[in-house]
């Protein structure tokens, strides 16, 4: 008969699997496909759109599980309460879970259309490249993460079989803002990254320079954000959300430049995810009217 600690771990395992895939991230990436489709066609919530959501959700979950498997030693320093370092989910279980999710995502993509399957495979390869090799490269690795987050929007255009200019513009804005968030995350993880020779900007040049670089990318995204409205690619309903997003990103950047401590960087990183959601809502709202 197992010990009480073993039984507690088993009881917490389902929650551990939910935590390891970052459920909110999976939902947002699934929603990103819907946003991408909405930018180029009238939403009809077809079976293809459901498959697109499943593909993005599953592959995002797989990438999170693979990431935690490779980061388990770093997380033991930076985030000891995560499922693998805390012992709730074993490394082998995390990889097996990632395999199941990957197969589910690829199957859903193949059922959608061939271009979607190709894009899904490319996205998976990019993330695995980041996790196994790119992560240690610092800024180039940050770009790989940003590409993975931006791809679901392009994917949505392929689901609708009509990738157009609004998707491309929004993809660039997302790429820039996520890069800013990833550089900020390097400040949060600097201790563990330094001990494992992860060459983030914060490790190589210090937290202050990392804060400047992160703010540059965030503010660059803010500078591009009016373009969809100015080019009449979205309706006026886009404006309230994008203004809220831009104000939030500007305030976050100013806060990070003034205080680039680990605690504040973590707060800014989490806030930037909120602004990511409001931007998503803005592009959806912009398709009406």
C-alpha atoms as a PDB file:
ATOM      1  CA  UNK A   1       0.000   0.000   0.000  1.00  0.00           C
ATOM      2  CA  UNK A   2       1.419   3.401  -1.001  1.00  0.00           C
ATOM      3  CA  UNK A   3       2.293   6.173   1.412  1.00  0.00           C
ATOM      4  CA  UNK A   4      -0.042   9.101   2.061  1.00  0.00           C
ATOM      5  CA  UNK A   5       2.283  11.351  -0.008  1.00  0.00           C
ATOM      6  CA  UNK A   6       1.984   8.950  -2.965  1.00  0.00           C
ATOM      7  CA  UNK A   7      -1.802   8.939  -2.688  1.00  0.00           C
ATOM      8  CA  UNK A   8      -1.908  12.740  -2.542  1.00  0.00           C
ATOM      9  CA  UNK A   9       0.249  12.958  -5.650  1.00  0.00           C
ATOM     10  CA  UNK A  10      -2.051  10.567  -7.506  1.00  0.00           C
ATOM     11  CA  UNK A  11      -5.110  12.590  -6.490  1.00  0.00           C
ATOM     12  CA  UNK A  12      -3.439  15.747  -7.762  1.00  0.00           C
ATOM     13  CA  UNK A  13      -2.239  14.229 -11.040  1.00  0.00           C
ATOM     14  CA  UNK A  14      -5.231  15.327 -13.192  1.00  0.00           C
ATOM     15  CA  UNK A  15      -4.761  18.879 -11.923  1.00  0.00           C
ATOM     16  CA  UNK A  16      -1.036  18.496 -12.594  1.00  0.00           C
ATOM     17  CA  UNK A  17      -1.718  17.653 -16.247  1.00  0.00           C
ATOM     18  CA  UNK A  18      -4.025  20.675 -16.535  1.00  0.00           C
ATOM     19  CA  UNK A  19      -1.343  22.893 -14.987  1.00  0.00           C
ATOM     20  CA  UNK A  20       1.412  21.540 -17.216  1.00  0.00           C
ATOM     21  CA  UNK A  21      -0.400  22.511 -20.425  1.00  0.00           C
ATOM     22  CA  UNK A  22      -1.217  26.030 -19.106  1.00  0.00           C
ATOM     23  CA  UNK A  23      -4.961  25.713 -19.773  1.00  0.00           C
ATOM     24  CA  UNK A  24      -5.449  29.463 -20.224  1.00  0.00           C
ATOM     25  CA  UNK A  25      -2.679  29.568 -22.832  1.00  0.00           C
ATOM     26  CA  UNK A  26      -4.252  26.649 -24.712  1.00  0.00           C
ATOM     27  CA  UNK A  27      -7.658  28.318 -24.700  1.00  0.00           C
ATOM     28  CA  UNK A  28      -6.201  31.609 -25.936  1.00  0.00           C
ATOM     29  CA  UNK A  29      -4.269  29.905 -28.739  1.00  0.00           C
ATOM     30  CA  UNK A  30      -7.416  28.047 -29.756  1.00  0.00           C
ATOM     31  CA  UNK A  31      -9.275  31.343 -29.704  1.00  0.00           C
ATOM     32  CA  UNK A  32      -6.464  32.893 -31.788  1.00  0.00           C
ATOM     33  CA  UNK A  33      -7.408  30.562 -34.652  1.00  0.00           C
ATOM     34  CA  UNK A  34     -10.984  31.847 -34.460  1.00  0.00           C
ATOM     35  CA  UNK A  35      -9.661  35.430 -34.488  1.00  0.00           C
ATOM     36  CA  UNK A  36      -7.503  34.680 -37.540  1.00  0.00           C
ATOM     37  CA  UNK A  37     -10.487  33.207 -39.359  1.00  0.00           C
ATOM     38  CA  UNK A  38     -12.740  36.112 -38.356  1.00  0.00           C
ATOM     39  CA  UNK A  39     -10.328  38.616 -39.886  1.00  0.00           C
ATOM     40  CA  UNK A  40     -10.772  37.178 -43.371  1.00  0.00           C
ATOM     41  CA  UNK A  41     -14.329  35.807 -43.445  1.00  0.00           C
ATOM     42  CA  UNK A  42     -17.684  35.911 -41.705  1.00  0.00           C
ATOM     43  CA  UNK A  43     -17.611  33.481 -38.809  1.00  0.00           C
ATOM     44  CA  UNK A  44     -19.965  30.546 -39.241  1.00  0.00           C
ATOM     45  CA  UNK A  45     -18.452  28.226 -36.594  1.00  0.00           C
ATOM     46  CA  UNK A  46     -18.080  25.430 -39.091  1.00  0.00           C
ATOM     47  CA  UNK A  47     -16.618  22.017 -38.320  1.00  0.00           C
ATOM     48  CA  UNK A  48     -13.326  23.228 -39.814  1.00  0.00           C
ATOM     49  CA  UNK A  49     -13.208  26.043 -37.272  1.00  0.00           C
ATOM     50  CA  UNK A  50     -13.785  23.552 -34.431  1.00  0.00           C
ATOM     51  CA  UNK A  51     -10.957  21.422 -35.801  1.00  0.00           C
ATOM     52  CA  UNK A  52      -8.764  24.530 -35.980  1.00  0.00           C
ATOM     53  CA  UNK A  53      -9.458  25.279 -32.318  1.00  0.00           C
ATOM     54  CA  UNK A  54      -8.644  21.683 -31.353  1.00  0.00           C
ATOM     55  CA  UNK A  55      -5.392  21.754 -33.352  1.00  0.00           C
ATOM     56  CA  UNK A  56      -4.131  24.942 -31.748  1.00  0.00           C
ATOM     57  CA  UNK A  57      -5.293  23.919 -28.256  1.00  0.00           C
ATOM     58  CA  UNK A  58      -3.678  20.468 -28.467  1.00  0.00           C
ATOM     59  CA  UNK A  59      -0.373  21.560 -30.007  1.00  0.00           C
ATOM     60  CA  UNK A  60      -0.046  24.418 -27.512  1.00  0.00           C
ATOM     61  CA  UNK A  61      -0.614  21.938 -24.687  1.00  0.00           C
ATOM     62  CA  UNK A  62       1.958  19.573 -26.191  1.00  0.00           C
ATOM     63  CA  UNK A  63       4.508  22.370 -26.493  1.00  0.00           C
ATOM     64  CA  UNK A  64       3.967  23.383 -22.860  1.00  0.00           C
ATOM     65  CA  UNK A  65       4.474  19.793 -21.667  1.00  0.00           C
ATOM     66  CA  UNK A  66       7.630  19.389 -23.787  1.00  0.00           C
ATOM     67  CA  UNK A  67       8.916  22.701 -22.459  1.00  0.00           C
ATOM     68  CA  UNK A  68       8.400  21.630 -18.842  1.00  0.00           C
ATOM     69  CA  UNK A  69      10.146  18.318 -19.521  1.00  0.00           C
ATOM     70  CA  UNK A  70      13.269  20.030 -20.835  1.00  0.00           C
ATOM     71  CA  UNK A  71      13.076  22.797 -18.224  1.00  0.00           C
ATOM     72  CA  UNK A  72      12.626  20.512 -15.228  1.00  0.00           C
ATOM     73  CA  UNK A  73      16.074  21.264 -13.752  1.00  0.00           C
ATOM     74  CA  UNK A  74      15.762  25.008 -14.345  1.00  0.00           C
ATOM     75  CA  UNK A  75      12.220  24.991 -12.916  1.00  0.00           C
ATOM     76  CA  UNK A  76      13.558  23.282  -9.788  1.00  0.00           C
ATOM     77  CA  UNK A  77      15.294  26.628  -9.158  1.00  0.00           C
ATOM     78  CA  UNK A  78      12.900  29.160 -10.739  1.00  0.00           C
ATOM     79  CA  UNK A  79       9.488  27.479 -10.298  1.00  0.00           C
ATOM     80  CA  UNK A  80       9.773  24.522  -7.870  1.00  0.00           C
ATOM     81  CA  UNK A  81       5.995  24.238  -7.513  1.00  0.00           C
ATOM     82  CA  UNK A  82       5.426  23.311 -11.165  1.00  0.00           C
ATOM     83  CA  UNK A  83       4.091  19.782 -11.774  1.00  0.00           C
ATOM     84  CA  UNK A  84       7.376  18.047 -12.698  1.00  0.00           C
ATOM     85  CA  UNK A  85       9.782  19.494 -10.092  1.00  0.00           C
ATOM     86  CA  UNK A  86       7.102  19.115  -7.399  1.00  0.00           C
ATOM     87  CA  UNK A  87       6.713  15.425  -8.299  1.00  0.00           C
ATOM     88  CA  UNK A  88       3.025  15.583  -9.229  1.00  0.00           C
ATOM     89  CA  UNK A  89       3.764  14.599 -12.861  1.00  0.00           C
ATOM     90  CA  UNK A  90       6.813  12.513 -13.771  1.00  0.00           C
ATOM     91  CA  UNK A  91       9.049  13.496 -16.736  1.00  0.00           C
ATOM     92  CA  UNK A  92       7.994  10.340 -18.595  1.00  0.00           C
ATOM     93  CA  UNK A  93       4.306  11.103 -18.051  1.00  0.00           C
ATOM     94  CA  UNK A  94       4.823  14.654 -19.351  1.00  0.00           C
ATOM     95  CA  UNK A  95       6.422  13.382 -22.567  1.00  0.00           C
ATOM     96  CA  UNK A  96       3.716  10.748 -23.069  1.00  0.00           C
ATOM     97  CA  UNK A  97       1.039  13.396 -22.576  1.00  0.00           C
ATOM     98  CA  UNK A  98       2.803  15.653 -25.100  1.00  0.00           C
ATOM     99  CA  UNK A  99       2.850  12.818 -27.651  1.00  0.00           C
ATOM    100  CA  UNK A 100      -0.889  12.199 -27.274  1.00  0.00           C
ATOM    101  CA  UNK A 101      -1.669  15.906 -27.631  1.00  0.00           C
ATOM    102  CA  UNK A 102       0.628  16.221 -30.668  1.00  0.00           C
ATOM    103  CA  UNK A 103      -1.072  13.330 -32.439  1.00  0.00           C
ATOM    104  CA  UNK A 104      -4.495  14.814 -31.642  1.00  0.00           C
ATOM    105  CA  UNK A 105      -3.437  18.194 -33.030  1.00  0.00           C
ATOM    106  CA  UNK A 106      -1.953  16.730 -36.215  1.00  0.00           C
ATOM    107  CA  UNK A 107      -5.046  14.578 -36.795  1.00  0.00           C
ATOM    108  CA  UNK A 108      -7.371  17.574 -36.423  1.00  0.00           C
ATOM    109  CA  UNK A 109      -5.176  19.616 -38.795  1.00  0.00           C
ATOM    110  CA  UNK A 110      -5.125  16.866 -41.406  1.00  0.00           C
ATOM    111  CA  UNK A 111      -8.921  16.611 -41.213  1.00  0.00           C
ATOM    112  CA  UNK A 112      -9.137  20.369 -41.930  1.00  0.00           C
ATOM    113  CA  UNK A 113      -7.020  20.622 -45.085  1.00  0.00           C
ATOM    114  CA  UNK A 114      -3.479  19.970 -46.306  1.00  0.00           C
ATOM    115  CA  UNK A 115      -2.220  23.587 -45.905  1.00  0.00           C
ATOM    116  CA  UNK A 116      -3.388  23.525 -42.282  1.00  0.00           C
ATOM    117  CA  UNK A 117      -1.551  20.268 -41.673  1.00  0.00           C
ATOM    118  CA  UNK A 118       1.647  21.751 -43.144  1.00  0.00           C
ATOM    119  CA  UNK A 119       1.352  24.869 -40.958  1.00  0.00           C
ATOM    120  CA  UNK A 120       0.695  22.708 -37.877  1.00  0.00           C
ATOM    121  CA  UNK A 121       3.810  20.620 -38.518  1.00  0.00           C
ATOM    122  CA  UNK A 122       5.916  23.762 -39.064  1.00  0.00           C
ATOM    123  CA  UNK A 123       4.645  25.239 -35.787  1.00  0.00           C
ATOM    124  CA  UNK A 124       5.454  22.015 -33.913  1.00  0.00           C
ATOM    125  CA  UNK A 125       8.975  21.866 -35.390  1.00  0.00           C
ATOM    126  CA  UNK A 126       9.621  25.503 -34.462  1.00  0.00           C
ATOM    127  CA  UNK A 127       8.656  24.930 -30.855  1.00  0.00           C
ATOM    128  CA  UNK A 128      10.639  21.715 -30.497  1.00  0.00           C
ATOM    129  CA  UNK A 129      13.637  23.525 -32.015  1.00  0.00           C
ATOM    130  CA  UNK A 130      13.195  26.289 -29.452  1.00  0.00           C
ATOM    131  CA  UNK A 131      12.873  23.882 -26.545  1.00  0.00           C
ATOM    132  CA  UNK A 132      15.825  21.669 -27.450  1.00  0.00           C
ATOM    133  CA  UNK A 133      18.275  24.190 -28.907  1.00  0.00           C
ATOM    134  CA  UNK A 134      16.896  27.692 -29.386  1.00  0.00           C
ATOM    135  CA  UNK A 135      16.132  28.448 -25.752  1.00  0.00           C
ATOM    136  CA  UNK A 136      19.819  28.810 -24.921  1.00  0.00           C
ATOM    137  CA  UNK A 137      20.340  31.420 -27.648  1.00  0.00           C
ATOM    138  CA  UNK A 138      18.513  34.262 -25.894  1.00  0.00           C
ATOM    139  CA  UNK A 139      16.824  36.704 -28.273  1.00  0.00           C
ATOM    140  CA  UNK A 140      16.706  34.311 -31.269  1.00  0.00           C
ATOM    141  CA  UNK A 141      14.955  31.858 -28.960  1.00  0.00           C
ATOM    142  CA  UNK A 142      12.506  34.587 -27.944  1.00  0.00           C
ATOM    143  CA  UNK A 143      11.730  35.085 -31.641  1.00  0.00           C
ATOM    144  CA  UNK A 144      10.951  31.367 -31.998  1.00  0.00           C
ATOM    145  CA  UNK A 145       8.442  31.571 -29.128  1.00  0.00           C
ATOM    146  CA  UNK A 146       6.849  34.653 -30.685  1.00  0.00           C
ATOM    147  CA  UNK A 147       6.541  32.823 -33.985  1.00  0.00           C
ATOM    148  CA  UNK A 148       4.752  29.931 -32.262  1.00  0.00           C
ATOM    149  CA  UNK A 149       2.275  32.325 -30.650  1.00  0.00           C
ATOM    150  CA  UNK A 150       1.698  34.227 -33.908  1.00  0.00           C
ATOM    151  CA  UNK A 151       1.216  31.170 -36.125  1.00  0.00           C
ATOM    152  CA  UNK A 152      -2.314  30.316 -34.858  1.00  0.00           C
ATOM    153  CA  UNK A 153      -3.594  33.571 -36.360  1.00  0.00           C
ATOM    154  CA  UNK A 154      -2.125  32.648 -39.746  1.00  0.00           C
ATOM    155  CA  UNK A 155      -3.538  29.172 -39.235  1.00  0.00           C
ATOM    156  CA  UNK A 156      -7.001  30.671 -38.777  1.00  0.00           C
ATOM    157  CA  UNK A 157      -6.661  32.294 -42.183  1.00  0.00           C
ATOM    158  CA  UNK A 158      -5.865  28.911 -43.721  1.00  0.00           C
ATOM    159  CA  UNK A 159      -8.831  27.343 -41.902  1.00  0.00           C
ATOM    160  CA  UNK A 160     -10.998  29.938 -43.650  1.00  0.00           C
ATOM    161  CA  UNK A 161      -8.975  29.201 -46.816  1.00  0.00           C
ATOM    162  CA  UNK A 162      -8.375  32.919 -47.234  1.00  0.00           C
ATOM    163  CA  UNK A 163      -5.207  34.330 -45.581  1.00  0.00           C
ATOM    164  CA  UNK A 164      -5.269  38.105 -46.160  1.00  0.00           C
ATOM    165  CA  UNK A 165      -3.589  41.361 -45.104  1.00  0.00           C
ATOM    166  CA  UNK A 166      -5.404  41.859 -41.741  1.00  0.00           C
ATOM    167  CA  UNK A 167      -4.066  38.510 -40.521  1.00  0.00           C
ATOM    168  CA  UNK A 168      -0.521  39.411 -41.530  1.00  0.00           C
ATOM    169  CA  UNK A 169      -0.637  42.795 -39.768  1.00  0.00           C
ATOM    170  CA  UNK A 170      -2.077  41.323 -36.607  1.00  0.00           C
ATOM    171  CA  UNK A 171       0.513  38.522 -36.720  1.00  0.00           C
ATOM    172  CA  UNK A 172       3.332  41.098 -36.782  1.00  0.00           C
ATOM    173  CA  UNK A 173       1.820  43.013 -33.859  1.00  0.00           C
ATOM    174  CA  UNK A 174       1.451  39.795 -31.857  1.00  0.00           C
ATOM    175  CA  UNK A 175       5.018  38.762 -32.729  1.00  0.00           C
ATOM    176  CA  UNK A 176       6.432  42.037 -31.405  1.00  0.00           C
ATOM    177  CA  UNK A 177       4.380  42.129 -28.203  1.00  0.00           C
ATOM    178  CA  UNK A 178       5.132  38.496 -27.343  1.00  0.00           C
ATOM    179  CA  UNK A 179       8.841  39.105 -27.926  1.00  0.00           C
ATOM    180  CA  UNK A 180       8.644  41.915 -25.387  1.00  0.00           C
ATOM    181  CA  UNK A 181       6.956  39.579 -22.934  1.00  0.00           C
ATOM    182  CA  UNK A 182       9.554  36.840 -23.493  1.00  0.00           C
ATOM    183  CA  UNK A 183      12.445  39.246 -22.857  1.00  0.00           C
ATOM    184  CA  UNK A 184      10.640  40.334 -19.675  1.00  0.00           C
ATOM    185  CA  UNK A 185      10.308  36.680 -18.681  1.00  0.00           C
ATOM    186  CA  UNK A 186      14.098  36.447 -18.950  1.00  0.00           C
ATOM    187  CA  UNK A 187      14.337  38.959 -16.090  1.00  0.00           C
ATOM    188  CA  UNK A 188      12.011  36.790 -13.996  1.00  0.00           C
ATOM    189  CA  UNK A 189      14.023  33.625 -14.701  1.00  0.00           C
ATOM    190  CA  UNK A 190      17.503  35.143 -14.610  1.00  0.00           C
ATOM    191  CA  UNK A 191      18.752  33.112 -11.633  1.00  0.00           C
ATOM    192  CA  UNK A 192      17.889  29.701 -13.034  1.00  0.00           C
ATOM    193  CA  UNK A 193      18.820  30.709 -16.599  1.00  0.00           C
ATOM    194  CA  UNK A 194      22.271  31.879 -15.497  1.00  0.00           C
ATOM    195  CA  UNK A 195      22.936  28.623 -13.660  1.00  0.00           C
ATOM    196  CA  UNK A 196      22.119  26.650 -16.845  1.00  0.00           C
ATOM    197  CA  UNK A 197      23.920  28.944 -19.318  1.00  0.00           C
ATOM    198  CA  UNK A 198      20.716  30.209 -20.960  1.00  0.00           C
ATOM    199  CA  UNK A 199      21.929  33.306 -22.800  1.00  0.00           C
ATOM    200  CA  UNK A 200      18.946  35.596 -22.342  1.00  0.00           C
ATOM    201  CA  UNK A 201      19.413  39.342 -22.608  1.00  0.00           C
ATOM    202  CA  UNK A 202      18.967  39.610 -18.824  1.00  0.00           C
ATOM    203  CA  UNK A 203      21.741  37.061 -18.238  1.00  0.00           C
ATOM    204  CA  UNK A 204      24.140  38.477 -20.852  1.00  0.00           C
ATOM    205  CA  UNK A 205      23.614  42.215 -20.381  1.00  0.00           C
ATOM    206  CA  UNK A 206      21.703  42.654 -17.140  1.00  0.00           C
ATOM    207  CA  UNK A 207      18.127  43.315 -16.115  1.00  0.00           C
ATOM    208  CA  UNK A 208      18.171  47.020 -17.021  1.00  0.00           C
ATOM    209  CA  UNK A 209      19.141  46.394 -20.666  1.00  0.00           C
ATOM    210  CA  UNK A 210      16.571  43.577 -20.830  1.00  0.00           C
ATOM    211  CA  UNK A 211      13.900  45.995 -19.584  1.00  0.00           C
ATOM    212  CA  UNK A 212      14.859  48.489 -22.334  1.00  0.00           C
ATOM    213  CA  UNK A 213      14.743  45.817 -25.057  1.00  0.00           C
ATOM    214  CA  UNK A 214      11.432  44.392 -23.785  1.00  0.00           C
ATOM    215  CA  UNK A 215       9.892  47.877 -23.730  1.00  0.00           C
ATOM    216  CA  UNK A 216      11.162  48.567 -27.260  1.00  0.00           C
ATOM    217  CA  UNK A 217       9.324  45.560 -28.684  1.00  0.00           C
ATOM    218  CA  UNK A 218       6.147  46.316 -26.719  1.00  0.00           C
ATOM    219  CA  UNK A 219       6.101  49.955 -27.806  1.00  0.00           C
ATOM    220  CA  UNK A 220       6.882  48.975 -31.406  1.00  0.00           C
ATOM    221  CA  UNK A 221       3.728  46.831 -31.300  1.00  0.00           C
ATOM    222  CA  UNK A 222       1.804  49.810 -29.903  1.00  0.00           C
ATOM    223  CA  UNK A 223       3.070  51.984 -32.758  1.00  0.00           C
ATOM    224  CA  UNK A 224       1.763  49.541 -35.367  1.00  0.00           C
ATOM    225  CA  UNK A 225      -1.579  48.887 -33.678  1.00  0.00           C
ATOM    226  CA  UNK A 226      -3.540  51.775 -35.312  1.00  0.00           C
ATOM    227  CA  UNK A 227      -2.686  50.588 -38.840  1.00  0.00           C
ATOM    228  CA  UNK A 228      -5.579  48.108 -39.250  1.00  0.00           C
ATOM    229  CA  UNK A 229      -8.051  50.899 -38.387  1.00  0.00           C
ATOM    230  CA  UNK A 230      -6.277  53.568 -40.447  1.00  0.00           C
ATOM    231  CA  UNK A 231      -6.256  51.246 -43.460  1.00  0.00           C
ATOM    232  CA  UNK A 232      -9.979  50.512 -42.892  1.00  0.00           C
ATOM    233  CA  UNK A 233      -9.323  46.820 -42.386  1.00  0.00           C
ATOM    234  CA  UNK A 234     -11.415  46.802 -39.185  1.00  0.00           C
ATOM    235  CA  UNK A 235     -14.432  48.745 -37.946  1.00  0.00           C
ATOM    236  CA  UNK A 236     -14.569  51.422 -35.233  1.00  0.00           C
ATOM    237  CA  UNK A 237     -15.405  48.713 -32.682  1.00  0.00           C
ATOM    238  CA  UNK A 238     -11.697  47.881 -32.808  1.00  0.00           C
ATOM    239  CA  UNK A 239     -10.691  51.214 -31.237  1.00  0.00           C
ATOM    240  CA  UNK A 240     -11.825  50.880 -27.572  1.00  0.00           C
ATOM    241  CA  UNK A 241     -10.012  47.565 -27.189  1.00  0.00           C
ATOM    242  CA  UNK A 242      -6.821  48.627 -28.946  1.00  0.00           C
ATOM    243  CA  UNK A 243      -6.683  51.869 -26.955  1.00  0.00           C
ATOM    244  CA  UNK A 244      -7.024  49.890 -23.725  1.00  0.00           C
ATOM    245  CA  UNK A 245      -4.338  47.475 -24.914  1.00  0.00           C
ATOM    246  CA  UNK A 246      -1.958  50.248 -25.941  1.00  0.00           C
ATOM    247  CA  UNK A 247      -2.383  52.159 -22.684  1.00  0.00           C
ATOM    248  CA  UNK A 248      -1.774  48.931 -20.775  1.00  0.00           C
ATOM    249  CA  UNK A 249       1.391  48.098 -22.728  1.00  0.00           C
ATOM    250  CA  UNK A 250       2.716  51.642 -22.357  1.00  0.00           C
ATOM    251  CA  UNK A 251       2.100  51.622 -18.590  1.00  0.00           C
ATOM    252  CA  UNK A 252       3.698  48.189 -18.282  1.00  0.00           C
ATOM    253  CA  UNK A 253       6.754  49.353 -20.221  1.00  0.00           C
ATOM    254  CA  UNK A 254       7.158  52.477 -18.082  1.00  0.00           C
ATOM    255  CA  UNK A 255       6.801  50.376 -14.939  1.00  0.00           C
ATOM    256  CA  UNK A 256       9.437  47.903 -16.117  1.00  0.00           C
ATOM    257  CA  UNK A 257      11.872  50.672 -17.071  1.00  0.00           C
ATOM    258  CA  UNK A 258      11.501  52.250 -13.639  1.00  0.00           C
ATOM    259  CA  UNK A 259      11.703  48.994 -11.723  1.00  0.00           C
ATOM    260  CA  UNK A 260      13.290  45.984 -13.403  1.00  0.00           C
ATOM    261  CA  UNK A 261      13.329  43.776 -10.308  1.00  0.00           C
ATOM    262  CA  UNK A 262      12.296  40.126 -10.620  1.00  0.00           C
ATOM    263  CA  UNK A 263       9.074  40.782  -8.693  1.00  0.00           C
ATOM    264  CA  UNK A 264       7.974  43.672 -10.898  1.00  0.00           C
ATOM    265  CA  UNK A 265       9.043  41.905 -14.094  1.00  0.00           C
ATOM    266  CA  UNK A 266       6.829  38.966 -13.126  1.00  0.00           C
ATOM    267  CA  UNK A 267       3.913  41.352 -12.540  1.00  0.00           C
ATOM    268  CA  UNK A 268       4.493  43.062 -15.906  1.00  0.00           C
ATOM    269  CA  UNK A 269       4.792  39.698 -17.692  1.00  0.00           C
ATOM    270  CA  UNK A 270       1.420  38.609 -16.282  1.00  0.00           C
ATOM    271  CA  UNK A 271      -0.214  41.957 -17.089  1.00  0.00           C
ATOM    272  CA  UNK A 272       0.994  41.755 -20.673  1.00  0.00           C
ATOM    273  CA  UNK A 273      -0.970  38.529 -21.059  1.00  0.00           C
ATOM    274  CA  UNK A 274      -4.090  40.505 -20.089  1.00  0.00           C
ATOM    275  CA  UNK A 275      -3.299  43.068 -22.801  1.00  0.00           C
ATOM    276  CA  UNK A 276      -2.854  40.212 -25.245  1.00  0.00           C
ATOM    277  CA  UNK A 277      -6.429  39.111 -24.488  1.00  0.00           C
ATOM    278  CA  UNK A 278      -7.847  42.631 -24.947  1.00  0.00           C
ATOM    279  CA  UNK A 279      -6.046  42.852 -28.297  1.00  0.00           C
ATOM    280  CA  UNK A 280      -7.654  39.583 -29.342  1.00  0.00           C
ATOM    281  CA  UNK A 281     -11.062  40.914 -28.403  1.00  0.00           C
ATOM    282  CA  UNK A 282     -10.333  44.114 -30.309  1.00  0.00           C
ATOM    283  CA  UNK A 283      -9.653  42.327 -33.567  1.00  0.00           C
ATOM    284  CA  UNK A 284     -12.780  40.220 -33.160  1.00  0.00           C
ATOM    285  CA  UNK A 285     -14.868  43.321 -32.398  1.00  0.00           C
ATOM    286  CA  UNK A 286     -13.318  45.024 -35.425  1.00  0.00           C
ATOM    287  CA  UNK A 287     -14.882  42.475 -37.741  1.00  0.00           C
ATOM    288  CA  UNK A 288     -18.355  43.802 -36.835  1.00  0.00           C
ATOM    289  CA  UNK A 289     -19.930  46.948 -38.134  1.00  0.00           C
END
